Amino acid sequence: MKKQDILELRKKSKLELWKEVEKKRINMAKFRARFKAGKEKNSQTIKGYKKDISRTLTIIKEKDILEKESEKDKSEDNMKKK
């Protein structure tokens, strides 16, 4: 995954990111089946799938943290106004 790909992932919504994770998991499972059947030779591809999934899950987690912080900031602002 290139830096440009990561930047594009960051622009997507959480729902789109979850769909991306599911798609990558399915592709990895299909690749594993082909690899075990002897149709694929490069085992490093599985490692690449795992890293892509991890990167995407990290971006989702970052978005969760940012949402919680923004909600916390909003509630603090409301408390100050009262």
Protein backbone atom coordinates (compact mmCIF):
# COMPACT_ATOMS: atom_id res chain seq x y z
CA MET A 1 0.00 0.00 0.00
CA LYS A 2 1.45 3.32 -1.05
CA LYS A 3 1.30 6.58 0.85
CA GLN A 4 -1.23 7.93 -1.65
CA ASP A 5 -3.47 4.92 -0.97
CA ILE A 6 -3.30 5.59 2.77
CA LEU A 7 -4.23 9.24 2.23
CA GLU A 8 -7.24 8.14 0.15
CA LEU A 9 -8.29 5.73 2.92
CA ARG A 10 -8.20 8.56 5.46
CA LYS A 11 -10.73 10.49 3.36
CA LYS A 12 -13.27 7.66 3.45
CA SER A 13 -16.00 7.24 6.05
CA LYS A 14 -15.85 4.53 8.69
CA LEU A 15 -18.53 2.54 6.90
CA GLU A 16 -16.53 2.58 3.67
CA LEU A 17 -13.41 1.57 5.59
CA TRP A 18 -15.22 -1.40 7.17
CA LYS A 19 -16.34 -2.48 3.71
CA GLU A 20 -12.73 -2.20 2.55
CA VAL A 21 -11.58 -4.40 5.46
CA GLU A 22 -14.18 -7.04 4.63
CA LYS A 23 -13.17 -7.02 0.97
CA LYS A 24 -9.50 -7.44 1.88
CA ARG A 25 -10.28 -10.27 4.30
CA ILE A 26 -12.23 -12.10 1.61
CA ASN A 27 -9.43 -11.60 -0.90
CA MET A 28 -6.88 -12.88 1.63
CA ALA A 29 -8.99 -15.98 2.33
CA LYS A 30 -9.30 -16.70 -1.39
CA PHE A 31 -5.56 -16.23 -1.84
CA ARG A 32 -4.81 -18.57 1.08
CA ALA A 33 -7.00 -21.24 -0.49
CA ARG A 34 -5.20 -20.88 -3.84
CA PHE A 35 -1.83 -20.91 -2.05
CA LYS A 36 -2.64 -24.11 -0.15
CA ALA A 37 -3.89 -25.69 -3.35
CA GLY A 38 -0.51 -24.94 -4.92
CA LYS A 39 -1.81 -22.44 -7.47
CA GLU A 40 0.04 -19.51 -5.90
CA LYS A 41 3.73 -19.41 -5.03
CA ASN A 42 4.33 -16.06 -3.31
CA SER A 43 3.55 -16.39 0.39
CA GLN A 44 4.54 -12.77 0.99
CA THR A 45 1.24 -11.68 -0.55
CA ILE A 46 -0.57 -12.89 2.58
CA LYS A 47 1.71 -10.69 4.67
CA GLY A 48 0.77 -7.74 2.45
CA TYR A 49 -2.94 -8.43 2.93
CA LYS A 50 -2.48 -8.55 6.70
CA LYS A 51 -0.61 -5.24 6.72
CA ASP A 52 -3.25 -3.57 4.55
CA ILE A 53 -6.00 -4.78 6.88
CA SER A 54 -4.06 -3.57 9.93
CA ARG A 55 -3.50 -0.14 8.39
CA THR A 56 -7.18 0.20 7.58
CA LEU A 57 -8.22 -0.88 11.09
CA THR A 58 -5.76 1.65 12.54
CA ILE A 59 -7.36 4.44 10.51
CA ILE A 60 -10.79 3.35 11.77
CA LYS A 61 -9.53 3.44 15.36
CA GLU A 62 -8.03 6.91 14.81
CA LYS A 63 -11.39 8.13 13.51
CA ASP A 64 -13.11 6.70 16.61
CA ILE A 65 -10.67 8.50 18.90
CA LEU A 66 -11.11 11.79 17.04
CA GLU A 67 -14.90 11.49 17.28
CA LYS A 68 -14.75 10.84 21.03
CA GLU A 69 -12.42 13.80 21.55
CA SER A 70 -14.64 16.12 19.54
CA GLU A 71 -17.71 14.98 21.52
CA LYS A 72 -15.80 15.55 24.74
CA ASP A 73 -14.76 19.03 23.62
CA LYS A 74 -18.35 19.88 22.69
CA SER A 75 -19.64 18.75 26.07
CA GLU A 76 -16.95 20.78 27.84
CA ASP A 77 -17.91 23.84 25.80
CA ASN A 78 -21.54 23.37 26.78
CA MET A 79 -20.58 23.12 30.44
CA LYS A 80 -18.60 26.38 30.22
CA LYS A 81 -21.56 28.18 28.68
CA LYS A 82 -23.81 27.23 31.58
